[in-house]
Amino acid sequence: YDYLKNHFQPITVNLESPITQCRSD
């Protein structure tokens, strides 16, 4: 999500199972 342009760009197909916890860099 580009927060300066308010634009969301999906990068994956549908995830088969919901996210329970996440981390990132």
PDBML (XML) file of the C-alpha atoms, coordinates in Angstrom:
<?xml version="1.0" encoding="UTF-8" ?>
<PDBx:datablock datablockName="MODEL"
   xmlns:PDBx="http://pdbml.pdb.org/schema/pdbx-v50.xsd"
   xmlns:xsi="http://www.w3.org/2001/XMLSchema-instance"
   xsi:schemaLocation="http://pdbml.pdb.org/schema/pdbx-v50.xsd pdbx-v50.xsd">
   <PDBx:atom_siteCategory>
      <PDBx:atom_site id="1">
         <PDBx:B_iso_or_equiv>0.00</PDBx:B_iso_or_equiv>
         <PDBx:Cartn_x>0.000</PDBx:Cartn_x>
         <PDBx:Cartn_y>0.000</PDBx:Cartn_y>
         <PDBx:Cartn_z>0.000</PDBx:Cartn_z>
         <PDBx:auth_asym_id>A</PDBx:auth_asym_id>
         <PDBx:auth_atom_id>CA</PDBx:auth_atom_id>
         <PDBx:auth_comp_id>TYR</PDBx:auth_comp_id>
         <PDBx:auth_seq_id>1</PDBx:auth_seq_id>
         <PDBx:group_PDB>ATOM</PDBx:group_PDB>
         <PDBx:label_alt_id xsi:nil="true" />
         <PDBx:label_asym_id>A</PDBx:label_asym_id>
         <PDBx:label_atom_id>CA</PDBx:label_atom_id>
         <PDBx:label_comp_id>TYR</PDBx:label_comp_id>
         <PDBx:label_entity_id>1</PDBx:label_entity_id>
         <PDBx:label_seq_id>1</PDBx:label_seq_id>
         <PDBx:occupancy>1.00</PDBx:occupancy>
         <PDBx:pdbx_PDB_model_num>1</PDBx:pdbx_PDB_model_num>
         <PDBx:type_symbol>C</PDBx:type_symbol>
      </PDBx:atom_site>
      <PDBx:atom_site id="2">
         <PDBx:B_iso_or_equiv>0.00</PDBx:B_iso_or_equiv>
         <PDBx:Cartn_x>1.492</PDBx:Cartn_x>
         <PDBx:Cartn_y>3.323</PDBx:Cartn_y>
         <PDBx:Cartn_z>-1.115</PDBx:Cartn_z>
         <PDBx:auth_asym_id>A</PDBx:auth_asym_id>
         <PDBx:auth_atom_id>CA</PDBx:auth_atom_id>
         <PDBx:auth_comp_id>ASP</PDBx:auth_comp_id>
         <PDBx:auth_seq_id>2</PDBx:auth_seq_id>
         <PDBx:group_PDB>ATOM</PDBx:group_PDB>
         <PDBx:label_alt_id xsi:nil="true" />
         <PDBx:label_asym_id>A</PDBx:label_asym_id>
         <PDBx:label_atom_id>CA</PDBx:label_atom_id>
         <PDBx:label_comp_id>ASP</PDBx:label_comp_id>
         <PDBx:label_entity_id>1</PDBx:label_entity_id>
         <PDBx:label_seq_id>2</PDBx:label_seq_id>
         <PDBx:occupancy>1.00</PDBx:occupancy>
         <PDBx:pdbx_PDB_model_num>1</PDBx:pdbx_PDB_model_num>
         <PDBx:type_symbol>C</PDBx:type_symbol>
      </PDBx:atom_site>
      <PDBx:atom_site id="3">
         <PDBx:B_iso_or_equiv>0.00</PDBx:B_iso_or_equiv>
         <PDBx:Cartn_x>0.442</PDBx:Cartn_x>
         <PDBx:Cartn_y>5.688</PDBx:Cartn_y>
         <PDBx:Cartn_z>1.682</PDBx:Cartn_z>
         <PDBx:auth_asym_id>A</PDBx:auth_asym_id>
         <PDBx:auth_atom_id>CA</PDBx:auth_atom_id>
         <PDBx:auth_comp_id>TYR</PDBx:auth_comp_id>
         <PDBx:auth_seq_id>3</PDBx:auth_seq_id>
         <PDBx:group_PDB>ATOM</PDBx:group_PDB>
         <PDBx:label_alt_id xsi:nil="true" />
         <PDBx:label_asym_id>A</PDBx:label_asym_id>
         <PDBx:label_atom_id>CA</PDBx:label_atom_id>
         <PDBx:label_comp_id>TYR</PDBx:label_comp_id>
         <PDBx:label_entity_id>1</PDBx:label_entity_id>
         <PDBx:label_seq_id>3</PDBx:label_seq_id>
         <PDBx:occupancy>1.00</PDBx:occupancy>
         <PDBx:pdbx_PDB_model_num>1</PDBx:pdbx_PDB_model_num>
         <PDBx:type_symbol>C</PDBx:type_symbol>
      </PDBx:atom_site>
      <PDBx:atom_site id="4">
         <PDBx:B_iso_or_equiv>0.00</PDBx:B_iso_or_equiv>
         <PDBx:Cartn_x>1.367</PDBx:Cartn_x>
         <PDBx:Cartn_y>8.813</PDBx:Cartn_y>
         <PDBx:Cartn_z>-0.284</PDBx:Cartn_z>
         <PDBx:auth_asym_id>A</PDBx:auth_asym_id>
         <PDBx:auth_atom_id>CA</PDBx:auth_atom_id>
         <PDBx:auth_comp_id>LEU</PDBx:auth_comp_id>
         <PDBx:auth_seq_id>4</PDBx:auth_seq_id>
         <PDBx:group_PDB>ATOM</PDBx:group_PDB>
         <PDBx:label_alt_id xsi:nil="true" />
         <PDBx:label_asym_id>A</PDBx:label_asym_id>
         <PDBx:label_atom_id>CA</PDBx:label_atom_id>
         <PDBx:label_comp_id>LEU</PDBx:label_comp_id>
         <PDBx:label_entity_id>1</PDBx:label_entity_id>
         <PDBx:label_seq_id>4</PDBx:label_seq_id>
         <PDBx:occupancy>1.00</PDBx:occupancy>
         <PDBx:pdbx_PDB_model_num>1</PDBx:pdbx_PDB_model_num>
         <PDBx:type_symbol>C</PDBx:type_symbol>
      </PDBx:atom_site>
      <PDBx:atom_site id="5">
         <PDBx:B_iso_or_equiv>0.00</PDBx:B_iso_or_equiv>
         <PDBx:Cartn_x>-0.841</PDBx:Cartn_x>
         <PDBx:Cartn_y>7.824</PDBx:Cartn_y>
         <PDBx:Cartn_z>-3.239</PDBx:Cartn_z>
         <PDBx:auth_asym_id>A</PDBx:auth_asym_id>
         <PDBx:auth_atom_id>CA</PDBx:auth_atom_id>
         <PDBx:auth_comp_id>LYS</PDBx:auth_comp_id>
         <PDBx:auth_seq_id>5</PDBx:auth_seq_id>
         <PDBx:group_PDB>ATOM</PDBx:group_PDB>
         <PDBx:label_alt_id xsi:nil="true" />
         <PDBx:label_asym_id>A</PDBx:label_asym_id>
         <PDBx:label_atom_id>CA</PDBx:label_atom_id>
         <PDBx:label_comp_id>LYS</PDBx:label_comp_id>
         <PDBx:label_entity_id>1</PDBx:label_entity_id>
         <PDBx:label_seq_id>5</PDBx:label_seq_id>
         <PDBx:occupancy>1.00</PDBx:occupancy>
         <PDBx:pdbx_PDB_model_num>1</PDBx:pdbx_PDB_model_num>
         <PDBx:type_symbol>C</PDBx:type_symbol>
      </PDBx:atom_site>
      <PDBx:atom_site id="6">
         <PDBx:B_iso_or_equiv>0.00</PDBx:B_iso_or_equiv>
         <PDBx:Cartn_x>-3.440</PDBx:Cartn_x>
         <PDBx:Cartn_y>5.841</PDBx:Cartn_y>
         <PDBx:Cartn_z>-1.245</PDBx:Cartn_z>
         <PDBx:auth_asym_id>A</PDBx:auth_asym_id>
         <PDBx:auth_atom_id>CA</PDBx:auth_atom_id>
         <PDBx:auth_comp_id>ASN</PDBx:auth_comp_id>
         <PDBx:auth_seq_id>6</PDBx:auth_seq_id>
         <PDBx:group_PDB>ATOM</PDBx:group_PDB>
         <PDBx:label_alt_id xsi:nil="true" />
         <PDBx:label_asym_id>A</PDBx:label_asym_id>
         <PDBx:label_atom_id>CA</PDBx:label_atom_id>
         <PDBx:label_comp_id>ASN</PDBx:label_comp_id>
         <PDBx:label_entity_id>1</PDBx:label_entity_id>
         <PDBx:label_seq_id>6</PDBx:label_seq_id>
         <PDBx:occupancy>1.00</PDBx:occupancy>
         <PDBx:pdbx_PDB_model_num>1</PDBx:pdbx_PDB_model_num>
         <PDBx:type_symbol>C</PDBx:type_symbol>
      </PDBx:atom_site>
      <PDBx:atom_site id="7">
         <PDBx:B_iso_or_equiv>0.00</PDBx:B_iso_or_equiv>
         <PDBx:Cartn_x>-3.000</PDBx:Cartn_x>
         <PDBx:Cartn_y>2.996</PDBx:Cartn_y>
         <PDBx:Cartn_z>-3.706</PDBx:Cartn_z>
         <PDBx:auth_asym_id>A</PDBx:auth_asym_id>
         <PDBx:auth_atom_id>CA</PDBx:auth_atom_id>
         <PDBx:auth_comp_id>HIS</PDBx:auth_comp_id>
         <PDBx:auth_seq_id>7</PDBx:auth_seq_id>
         <PDBx:group_PDB>ATOM</PDBx:group_PDB>
         <PDBx:label_alt_id xsi:nil="true" />
         <PDBx:label_asym_id>A</PDBx:label_asym_id>
         <PDBx:label_atom_id>CA</PDBx:label_atom_id>
         <PDBx:label_comp_id>HIS</PDBx:label_comp_id>
         <PDBx:label_entity_id>1</PDBx:label_entity_id>
         <PDBx:label_seq_id>7</PDBx:label_seq_id>
         <PDBx:occupancy>1.00</PDBx:occupancy>
         <PDBx:pdbx_PDB_model_num>1</PDBx:pdbx_PDB_model_num>
         <PDBx:type_symbol>C</PDBx:type_symbol>
      </PDBx:atom_site>
      <PDBx:atom_site id="8">
         <PDBx:B_iso_or_equiv>0.00</PDBx:B_iso_or_equiv>
         <PDBx:Cartn_x>-3.063</PDBx:Cartn_x>
         <PDBx:Cartn_y>-0.748</PDBx:Cartn_y>
         <PDBx:Cartn_z>-2.952</PDBx:Cartn_z>
         <PDBx:auth_asym_id>A</PDBx:auth_asym_id>
         <PDBx:auth_atom_id>CA</PDBx:auth_atom_id>
         <PDBx:auth_comp_id>PHE</PDBx:auth_comp_id>
         <PDBx:auth_seq_id>8</PDBx:auth_seq_id>
         <PDBx:group_PDB>ATOM</PDBx:group_PDB>
         <PDBx:label_alt_id xsi:nil="true" />
         <PDBx:label_asym_id>A</PDBx:label_asym_id>
         <PDBx:label_atom_id>CA</PDBx:label_atom_id>
         <PDBx:label_comp_id>PHE</PDBx:label_comp_id>
         <PDBx:label_entity_id>1</PDBx:label_entity_id>
         <PDBx:label_seq_id>8</PDBx:label_seq_id>
         <PDBx:occupancy>1.00</PDBx:occupancy>
         <PDBx:pdbx_PDB_model_num>1</PDBx:pdbx_PDB_model_num>
         <PDBx:type_symbol>C</PDBx:type_symbol>
      </PDBx:atom_site>
      <PDBx:atom_site id="9">
         <PDBx:B_iso_or_equiv>0.00</PDBx:B_iso_or_equiv>
         <PDBx:Cartn_x>-1.213</PDBx:Cartn_x>
         <PDBx:Cartn_y>-3.125</PDBx:Cartn_y>
         <PDBx:Cartn_z>-5.272</PDBx:Cartn_z>
         <PDBx:auth_asym_id>A</PDBx:auth_asym_id>
         <PDBx:auth_atom_id>CA</PDBx:auth_atom_id>
         <PDBx:auth_comp_id>GLN</PDBx:auth_comp_id>
         <PDBx:auth_seq_id>9</PDBx:auth_seq_id>
         <PDBx:group_PDB>ATOM</PDBx:group_PDB>
         <PDBx:label_alt_id xsi:nil="true" />
         <PDBx:label_asym_id>A</PDBx:label_asym_id>
         <PDBx:label_atom_id>CA</PDBx:label_atom_id>
         <PDBx:label_comp_id>GLN</PDBx:label_comp_id>
         <PDBx:label_entity_id>1</PDBx:label_entity_id>
         <PDBx:label_seq_id>9</PDBx:label_seq_id>
         <PDBx:occupancy>1.00</PDBx:occupancy>
         <PDBx:pdbx_PDB_model_num>1</PDBx:pdbx_PDB_model_num>
         <PDBx:type_symbol>C</PDBx:type_symbol>
      </PDBx:atom_site>
      <PDBx:atom_site id="10">
         <PDBx:B_iso_or_equiv>0.00</PDBx:B_iso_or_equiv>
         <PDBx:Cartn_x>-1.922</PDBx:Cartn_x>
         <PDBx:Cartn_y>-6.845</PDBx:Cartn_y>
         <PDBx:Cartn_z>-4.630</PDBx:Cartn_z>
         <PDBx:auth_asym_id>A</PDBx:auth_asym_id>
         <PDBx:auth_atom_id>CA</PDBx:auth_atom_id>
         <PDBx:auth_comp_id>PRO</PDBx:auth_comp_id>
         <PDBx:auth_seq_id>10</PDBx:auth_seq_id>
         <PDBx:group_PDB>ATOM</PDBx:group_PDB>
         <PDBx:label_alt_id xsi:nil="true" />
         <PDBx:label_asym_id>A</PDBx:label_asym_id>
         <PDBx:label_atom_id>CA</PDBx:label_atom_id>
         <PDBx:label_comp_id>PRO</PDBx:label_comp_id>
         <PDBx:label_entity_id>1</PDBx:label_entity_id>
         <PDBx:label_seq_id>10</PDBx:label_seq_id>
         <PDBx:occupancy>1.00</PDBx:occupancy>
         <PDBx:pdbx_PDB_model_num>1</PDBx:pdbx_PDB_model_num>
         <PDBx:type_symbol>C</PDBx:type_symbol>
      </PDBx:atom_site>
      <PDBx:atom_site id="11">
         <PDBx:B_iso_or_equiv>0.00</PDBx:B_iso_or_equiv>
         <PDBx:Cartn_x>1.176</PDBx:Cartn_x>
         <PDBx:Cartn_y>-8.998</PDBx:Cartn_y>
         <PDBx:Cartn_z>-5.149</PDBx:Cartn_z>
         <PDBx:auth_asym_id>A</PDBx:auth_asym_id>
         <PDBx:auth_atom_id>CA</PDBx:auth_atom_id>
         <PDBx:auth_comp_id>ILE</PDBx:auth_comp_id>
         <PDBx:auth_seq_id>11</PDBx:auth_seq_id>
         <PDBx:group_PDB>ATOM</PDBx:group_PDB>
         <PDBx:label_alt_id xsi:nil="true" />
         <PDBx:label_asym_id>A</PDBx:label_asym_id>
         <PDBx:label_atom_id>CA</PDBx:label_atom_id>
         <PDBx:label_comp_id>ILE</PDBx:label_comp_id>
         <PDBx:label_entity_id>1</PDBx:label_entity_id>
         <PDBx:label_seq_id>11</PDBx:label_seq_id>
         <PDBx:occupancy>1.00</PDBx:occupancy>
         <PDBx:pdbx_PDB_model_num>1</PDBx:pdbx_PDB_model_num>
         <PDBx:type_symbol>C</PDBx:type_symbol>
      </PDBx:atom_site>
      <PDBx:atom_site id="12">
         <PDBx:B_iso_or_equiv>0.00</PDBx:B_iso_or_equiv>
         <PDBx:Cartn_x>-0.090</PDBx:Cartn_x>
         <PDBx:Cartn_y>-12.513</PDBx:Cartn_y>
         <PDBx:Cartn_z>-4.349</PDBx:Cartn_z>
         <PDBx:auth_asym_id>A</PDBx:auth_asym_id>
         <PDBx:auth_atom_id>CA</PDBx:auth_atom_id>
         <PDBx:auth_comp_id>THR</PDBx:auth_comp_id>
         <PDBx:auth_seq_id>12</PDBx:auth_seq_id>
         <PDBx:group_PDB>ATOM</PDBx:group_PDB>
         <PDBx:label_alt_id xsi:nil="true" />
         <PDBx:label_asym_id>A</PDBx:label_asym_id>
         <PDBx:label_atom_id>CA</PDBx:label_atom_id>
         <PDBx:label_comp_id>THR</PDBx:label_comp_id>
         <PDBx:label_entity_id>1</PDBx:label_entity_id>
         <PDBx:label_seq_id>12</PDBx:label_seq_id>
         <PDBx:occupancy>1.00</PDBx:occupancy>
         <PDBx:pdbx_PDB_model_num>1</PDBx:pdbx_PDB_model_num>
         <PDBx:type_symbol>C</PDBx:type_symbol>
      </PDBx:atom_site>
      <PDBx:atom_site id="13">
         <PDBx:B_iso_or_equiv>0.00</PDBx:B_iso_or_equiv>
         <PDBx:Cartn_x>-2.913</PDBx:Cartn_x>
         <PDBx:Cartn_y>-14.811</PDBx:Cartn_y>
         <PDBx:Cartn_z>-5.321</PDBx:Cartn_z>
         <PDBx:auth_asym_id>A</PDBx:auth_asym_id>
         <PDBx:auth_atom_id>CA</PDBx:auth_atom_id>
         <PDBx:auth_comp_id>VAL</PDBx:auth_comp_id>
         <PDBx:auth_seq_id>13</PDBx:auth_seq_id>
         <PDBx:group_PDB>ATOM</PDBx:group_PDB>
         <PDBx:label_alt_id xsi:nil="true" />
         <PDBx:label_asym_id>A</PDBx:label_asym_id>
         <PDBx:label_atom_id>CA</PDBx:label_atom_id>
         <PDBx:label_comp_id>VAL</PDBx:label_comp_id>
         <PDBx:label_entity_id>1</PDBx:label_entity_id>
         <PDBx:label_seq_id>13</PDBx:label_seq_id>
         <PDBx:occupancy>1.00</PDBx:occupancy>
         <PDBx:pdbx_PDB_model_num>1</PDBx:pdbx_PDB_model_num>
         <PDBx:type_symbol>C</PDBx:type_symbol>
      </PDBx:atom_site>
      <PDBx:atom_site id="14">
         <PDBx:B_iso_or_equiv>0.00</PDBx:B_iso_or_equiv>
         <PDBx:Cartn_x>-5.628</PDBx:Cartn_x>
         <PDBx:Cartn_y>-15.488</PDBx:Cartn_y>
         <PDBx:Cartn_z>-2.743</PDBx:Cartn_z>
         <PDBx:auth_asym_id>A</PDBx:auth_asym_id>
         <PDBx:auth_atom_id>CA</PDBx:auth_atom_id>
         <PDBx:auth_comp_id>ASN</PDBx:auth_comp_id>
         <PDBx:auth_seq_id>14</PDBx:auth_seq_id>
         <PDBx:group_PDB>ATOM</PDBx:group_PDB>
         <PDBx:label_alt_id xsi:nil="true" />
         <PDBx:label_asym_id>A</PDBx:label_asym_id>
         <PDBx:label_atom_id>CA</PDBx:label_atom_id>
         <PDBx:label_comp_id>ASN</PDBx:label_comp_id>
         <PDBx:label_entity_id>1</PDBx:label_entity_id>
         <PDBx:label_seq_id>14</PDBx:label_seq_id>
         <PDBx:occupancy>1.00</PDBx:occupancy>
         <PDBx:pdbx_PDB_model_num>1</PDBx:pdbx_PDB_model_num>
         <PDBx:type_symbol>C</PDBx:type_symbol>
      </PDBx:atom_site>
      <PDBx:atom_site id="15">
         <PDBx:B_iso_or_equiv>0.00</PDBx:B_iso_or_equiv>
         <PDBx:Cartn_x>-4.135</PDBx:Cartn_x>
         <PDBx:Cartn_y>-16.959</PDBx:Cartn_y>
         <PDBx:Cartn_z>0.428</PDBx:Cartn_z>
         <PDBx:auth_asym_id>A</PDBx:auth_asym_id>
         <PDBx:auth_atom_id>CA</PDBx:auth_atom_id>
         <PDBx:auth_comp_id>LEU</PDBx:auth_comp_id>
         <PDBx:auth_seq_id>15</PDBx:auth_seq_id>
         <PDBx:group_PDB>ATOM</PDBx:group_PDB>
         <PDBx:label_alt_id xsi:nil="true" />
         <PDBx:label_asym_id>A</PDBx:label_asym_id>
         <PDBx:label_atom_id>CA</PDBx:label_atom_id>
         <PDBx:label_comp_id>LEU</PDBx:label_comp_id>
         <PDBx:label_entity_id>1</PDBx:label_entity_id>
         <PDBx:label_seq_id>15</PDBx:label_seq_id>
         <PDBx:occupancy>1.00</PDBx:occupancy>
         <PDBx:pdbx_PDB_model_num>1</PDBx:pdbx_PDB_model_num>
         <PDBx:type_symbol>C</PDBx:type_symbol>
      </PDBx:atom_site>
      <PDBx:atom_site id="16">
         <PDBx:B_iso_or_equiv>0.00</PDBx:B_iso_or_equiv>
         <PDBx:Cartn_x>-5.827</PDBx:Cartn_x>
         <PDBx:Cartn_y>-20.287</PDBx:Cartn_y>
         <PDBx:Cartn_z>1.161</PDBx:Cartn_z>
         <PDBx:auth_asym_id>A</PDBx:auth_asym_id>
         <PDBx:auth_atom_id>CA</PDBx:auth_atom_id>
         <PDBx:auth_comp_id>GLU</PDBx:auth_comp_id>
         <PDBx:auth_seq_id>16</PDBx:auth_seq_id>
         <PDBx:group_PDB>ATOM</PDBx:group_PDB>
         <PDBx:label_alt_id xsi:nil="true" />
         <PDBx:label_asym_id>A</PDBx:label_asym_id>
         <PDBx:label_atom_id>CA</PDBx:label_atom_id>
         <PDBx:label_comp_id>GLU</PDBx:label_comp_id>
         <PDBx:label_entity_id>1</PDBx:label_entity_id>
         <PDBx:label_seq_id>16</PDBx:label_seq_id>
         <PDBx:occupancy>1.00</PDBx:occupancy>
         <PDBx:pdbx_PDB_model_num>1</PDBx:pdbx_PDB_model_num>
         <PDBx:type_symbol>C</PDBx:type_symbol>
      </PDBx:atom_site>
      <PDBx:atom_site id="17">
         <PDBx:B_iso_or_equiv>0.00</PDBx:B_iso_or_equiv>
         <PDBx:Cartn_x>-5.587</PDBx:Cartn_x>
         <PDBx:Cartn_y>-19.968</PDBx:Cartn_y>
         <PDBx:Cartn_z>4.939</PDBx:Cartn_z>
         <PDBx:auth_asym_id>A</PDBx:auth_asym_id>
         <PDBx:auth_atom_id>CA</PDBx:auth_atom_id>
         <PDBx:auth_comp_id>SER</PDBx:auth_comp_id>
         <PDBx:auth_seq_id>17</PDBx:auth_seq_id>
         <PDBx:group_PDB>ATOM</PDBx:group_PDB>
         <PDBx:label_alt_id xsi:nil="true" />
         <PDBx:label_asym_id>A</PDBx:label_asym_id>
         <PDBx:label_atom_id>CA</PDBx:label_atom_id>
         <PDBx:label_comp_id>SER</PDBx:label_comp_id>
         <PDBx:label_entity_id>1</PDBx:label_entity_id>
         <PDBx:label_seq_id>17</PDBx:label_seq_id>
         <PDBx:occupancy>1.00</PDBx:occupancy>
         <PDBx:pdbx_PDB_model_num>1</PDBx:pdbx_PDB_model_num>
         <PDBx:type_symbol>C</PDBx:type_symbol>
      </PDBx:atom_site>
      <PDBx:atom_site id="18">
         <PDBx:B_iso_or_equiv>0.00</PDBx:B_iso_or_equiv>
         <PDBx:Cartn_x>-6.007</PDBx:Cartn_x>
         <PDBx:Cartn_y>-16.786</PDBx:Cartn_y>
         <PDBx:Cartn_z>7.033</PDBx:Cartn_z>
         <PDBx:auth_asym_id>A</PDBx:auth_asym_id>
         <PDBx:auth_atom_id>CA</PDBx:auth_atom_id>
         <PDBx:auth_comp_id>PRO</PDBx:auth_comp_id>
         <PDBx:auth_seq_id>18</PDBx:auth_seq_id>
         <PDBx:group_PDB>ATOM</PDBx:group_PDB>
         <PDBx:label_alt_id xsi:nil="true" />
         <PDBx:label_asym_id>A</PDBx:label_asym_id>
         <PDBx:label_atom_id>CA</PDBx:label_atom_id>
         <PDBx:label_comp_id>PRO</PDBx:label_comp_id>
         <PDBx:label_entity_id>1</PDBx:label_entity_id>
         <PDBx:label_seq_id>18</PDBx:label_seq_id>
         <PDBx:occupancy>1.00</PDBx:occupancy>
         <PDBx:pdbx_PDB_model_num>1</PDBx:pdbx_PDB_model_num>
         <PDBx:type_symbol>C</PDBx:type_symbol>
      </PDBx:atom_site>
      <PDBx:atom_site id="19">
         <PDBx:B_iso_or_equiv>0.00</PDBx:B_iso_or_equiv>
         <PDBx:Cartn_x>-3.036</PDBx:Cartn_x>
         <PDBx:Cartn_y>-15.082</PDBx:Cartn_y>
         <PDBx:Cartn_z>8.677</PDBx:Cartn_z>
         <PDBx:auth_asym_id>A</PDBx:auth_asym_id>
         <PDBx:auth_atom_id>CA</PDBx:auth_atom_id>
         <PDBx:auth_comp_id>ILE</PDBx:auth_comp_id>
         <PDBx:auth_seq_id>19</PDBx:auth_seq_id>
         <PDBx:group_PDB>ATOM</PDBx:group_PDB>
         <PDBx:label_alt_id xsi:nil="true" />
         <PDBx:label_asym_id>A</PDBx:label_asym_id>
         <PDBx:label_atom_id>CA</PDBx:label_atom_id>
         <PDBx:label_comp_id>ILE</PDBx:label_comp_id>
         <PDBx:label_entity_id>1</PDBx:label_entity_id>
         <PDBx:label_seq_id>19</PDBx:label_seq_id>
         <PDBx:occupancy>1.00</PDBx:occupancy>
         <PDBx:pdbx_PDB_model_num>1</PDBx:pdbx_PDB_model_num>
         <PDBx:type_symbol>C</PDBx:type_symbol>
      </PDBx:atom_site>
      <PDBx:atom_site id="20">
         <PDBx:B_iso_or_equiv>0.00</PDBx:B_iso_or_equiv>
         <PDBx:Cartn_x>-2.737</PDBx:Cartn_x>
         <PDBx:Cartn_y>-15.690</PDBx:Cartn_y>
         <PDBx:Cartn_z>12.430</PDBx:Cartn_z>
         <PDBx:auth_asym_id>A</PDBx:auth_asym_id>
         <PDBx:auth_atom_id>CA</PDBx:auth_atom_id>
         <PDBx:auth_comp_id>THR</PDBx:auth_comp_id>
         <PDBx:auth_seq_id>20</PDBx:auth_seq_id>
         <PDBx:group_PDB>ATOM</PDBx:group_PDB>
         <PDBx:label_alt_id xsi:nil="true" />
         <PDBx:label_asym_id>A</PDBx:label_asym_id>
         <PDBx:label_atom_id>CA</PDBx:label_atom_id>
         <PDBx:label_comp_id>THR</PDBx:label_comp_id>
         <PDBx:label_entity_id>1</PDBx:label_entity_id>
         <PDBx:label_seq_id>20</PDBx:label_seq_id>
         <PDBx:occupancy>1.00</PDBx:occupancy>
         <PDBx:pdbx_PDB_model_num>1</PDBx:pdbx_PDB_model_num>
         <PDBx:type_symbol>C</PDBx:type_symbol>
      </PDBx:atom_site>
      <PDBx:atom_site id="21">
         <PDBx:B_iso_or_equiv>0.00</PDBx:B_iso_or_equiv>
         <PDBx:Cartn_x>0.490</PDBx:Cartn_x>
         <PDBx:Cartn_y>-13.791</PDBx:Cartn_y>
         <PDBx:Cartn_z>13.230</PDBx:Cartn_z>
         <PDBx:auth_asym_id>A</PDBx:auth_asym_id>
         <PDBx:auth_atom_id>CA</PDBx:auth_atom_id>
         <PDBx:auth_comp_id>GLN</PDBx:auth_comp_id>
         <PDBx:auth_seq_id>21</PDBx:auth_seq_id>
         <PDBx:group_PDB>ATOM</PDBx:group_PDB>
         <PDBx:label_alt_id xsi:nil="true" />
         <PDBx:label_asym_id>A</PDBx:label_asym_id>
         <PDBx:label_atom_id>CA</PDBx:label_atom_id>
         <PDBx:label_comp_id>GLN</PDBx:label_comp_id>
         <PDBx:label_entity_id>1</PDBx:label_entity_id>
         <PDBx:label_seq_id>21</PDBx:label_seq_id>
         <PDBx:occupancy>1.00</PDBx:occupancy>
         <PDBx:pdbx_PDB_model_num>1</PDBx:pdbx_PDB_model_num>
         <PDBx:type_symbol>C</PDBx:type_symbol>
      </PDBx:atom_site>
      <PDBx:atom_site id="22">
         <PDBx:B_iso_or_equiv>0.00</PDBx:B_iso_or_equiv>
         <PDBx:Cartn_x>2.971</PDBx:Cartn_x>
         <PDBx:Cartn_y>-11.856</PDBx:Cartn_y>
         <PDBx:Cartn_z>11.106</PDBx:Cartn_z>
         <PDBx:auth_asym_id>A</PDBx:auth_asym_id>
         <PDBx:auth_atom_id>CA</PDBx:auth_atom_id>
         <PDBx:auth_comp_id>CYS</PDBx:auth_comp_id>
         <PDBx:auth_seq_id>22</PDBx:auth_seq_id>
         <PDBx:group_PDB>ATOM</PDBx:group_PDB>
         <PDBx:label_alt_id xsi:nil="true" />
         <PDBx:label_asym_id>A</PDBx:label_asym_id>
         <PDBx:label_atom_id>CA</PDBx:label_atom_id>
         <PDBx:label_comp_id>CYS</PDBx:label_comp_id>
         <PDBx:label_entity_id>1</PDBx:label_entity_id>
         <PDBx:label_seq_id>22</PDBx:label_seq_id>
         <PDBx:occupancy>1.00</PDBx:occupancy>
         <PDBx:pdbx_PDB_model_num>1</PDBx:pdbx_PDB_model_num>
         <PDBx:type_symbol>C</PDBx:type_symbol>
      </PDBx:atom_site>
      <PDBx:atom_site id="23">
         <PDBx:B_iso_or_equiv>0.00</PDBx:B_iso_or_equiv>
         <PDBx:Cartn_x>6.407</PDBx:Cartn_x>
         <PDBx:Cartn_y>-10.265</PDBx:Cartn_y>
         <PDBx:Cartn_z>11.143</PDBx:Cartn_z>
         <PDBx:auth_asym_id>A</PDBx:auth_asym_id>
         <PDBx:auth_atom_id>CA</PDBx:auth_atom_id>
         <PDBx:auth_comp_id>ARG</PDBx:auth_comp_id>
         <PDBx:auth_seq_id>23</PDBx:auth_seq_id>
         <PDBx:group_PDB>ATOM</PDBx:group_PDB>
         <PDBx:label_alt_id xsi:nil="true" />
         <PDBx:label_asym_id>A</PDBx:label_asym_id>
         <PDBx:label_atom_id>CA</PDBx:label_atom_id>
         <PDBx:label_comp_id>ARG</PDBx:label_comp_id>
         <PDBx:label_entity_id>1</PDBx:label_entity_id>
         <PDBx:label_seq_id>23</PDBx:label_seq_id>
         <PDBx:occupancy>1.00</PDBx:occupancy>
         <PDBx:pdbx_PDB_model_num>1</PDBx:pdbx_PDB_model_num>
         <PDBx:type_symbol>C</PDBx:type_symbol>
      </PDBx:atom_site>
      <PDBx:atom_site id="24">
         <PDBx:B_iso_or_equiv>0.00</PDBx:B_iso_or_equiv>
         <PDBx:Cartn_x>8.246</PDBx:Cartn_x>
         <PDBx:Cartn_y>-8.338</PDBx:Cartn_y>
         <PDBx:Cartn_z>8.437</PDBx:Cartn_z>
         <PDBx:auth_asym_id>A</PDBx:auth_asym_id>
         <PDBx:auth_atom_id>CA</PDBx:auth_atom_id>
         <PDBx:auth_comp_id>SER</PDBx:auth_comp_id>
         <PDBx:auth_seq_id>24</PDBx:auth_seq_id>
         <PDBx:group_PDB>ATOM</PDBx:group_PDB>
         <PDBx:label_alt_id xsi:nil="true" />
         <PDBx:label_asym_id>A</PDBx:label_asym_id>
         <PDBx:label_atom_id>CA</PDBx:label_atom_id>
         <PDBx:label_comp_id>SER</PDBx:label_comp_id>
         <PDBx:label_entity_id>1</PDBx:label_entity_id>
         <PDBx:label_seq_id>24</PDBx:label_seq_id>
         <PDBx:occupancy>1.00</PDBx:occupancy>
         <PDBx:pdbx_PDB_model_num>1</PDBx:pdbx_PDB_model_num>
         <PDBx:type_symbol>C</PDBx:type_symbol>
      </PDBx:atom_site>
      <PDBx:atom_site id="25">
         <PDBx:B_iso_or_equiv>0.00</PDBx:B_iso_or_equiv>
         <PDBx:Cartn_x>11.244</PDBx:Cartn_x>
         <PDBx:Cartn_y>-6.412</PDBx:Cartn_y>
         <PDBx:Cartn_z>7.247</PDBx:Cartn_z>
         <PDBx:auth_asym_id>A</PDBx:auth_asym_id>
         <PDBx:auth_atom_id>CA</PDBx:auth_atom_id>
         <PDBx:auth_comp_id>ASP</PDBx:auth_comp_id>
         <PDBx:auth_seq_id>25</PDBx:auth_seq_id>
         <PDBx:group_PDB>ATOM</PDBx:group_PDB>
         <PDBx:label_alt_id xsi:nil="true" />
         <PDBx:label_asym_id>A</PDBx:label_asym_id>
         <PDBx:label_atom_id>CA</PDBx:label_atom_id>
         <PDBx:label_comp_id>ASP</PDBx:label_comp_id>
         <PDBx:label_entity_id>1</PDBx:label_entity_id>
         <PDBx:label_seq_id>25</PDBx:label_seq_id>
         <PDBx:occupancy>1.00</PDBx:occupancy>
         <PDBx:pdbx_PDB_model_num>1</PDBx:pdbx_PDB_model_num>
         <PDBx:type_symbol>C</PDBx:type_symbol>
      </PDBx:atom_site>
   </PDBx:atom_siteCategory>
</PDBx:datablock>
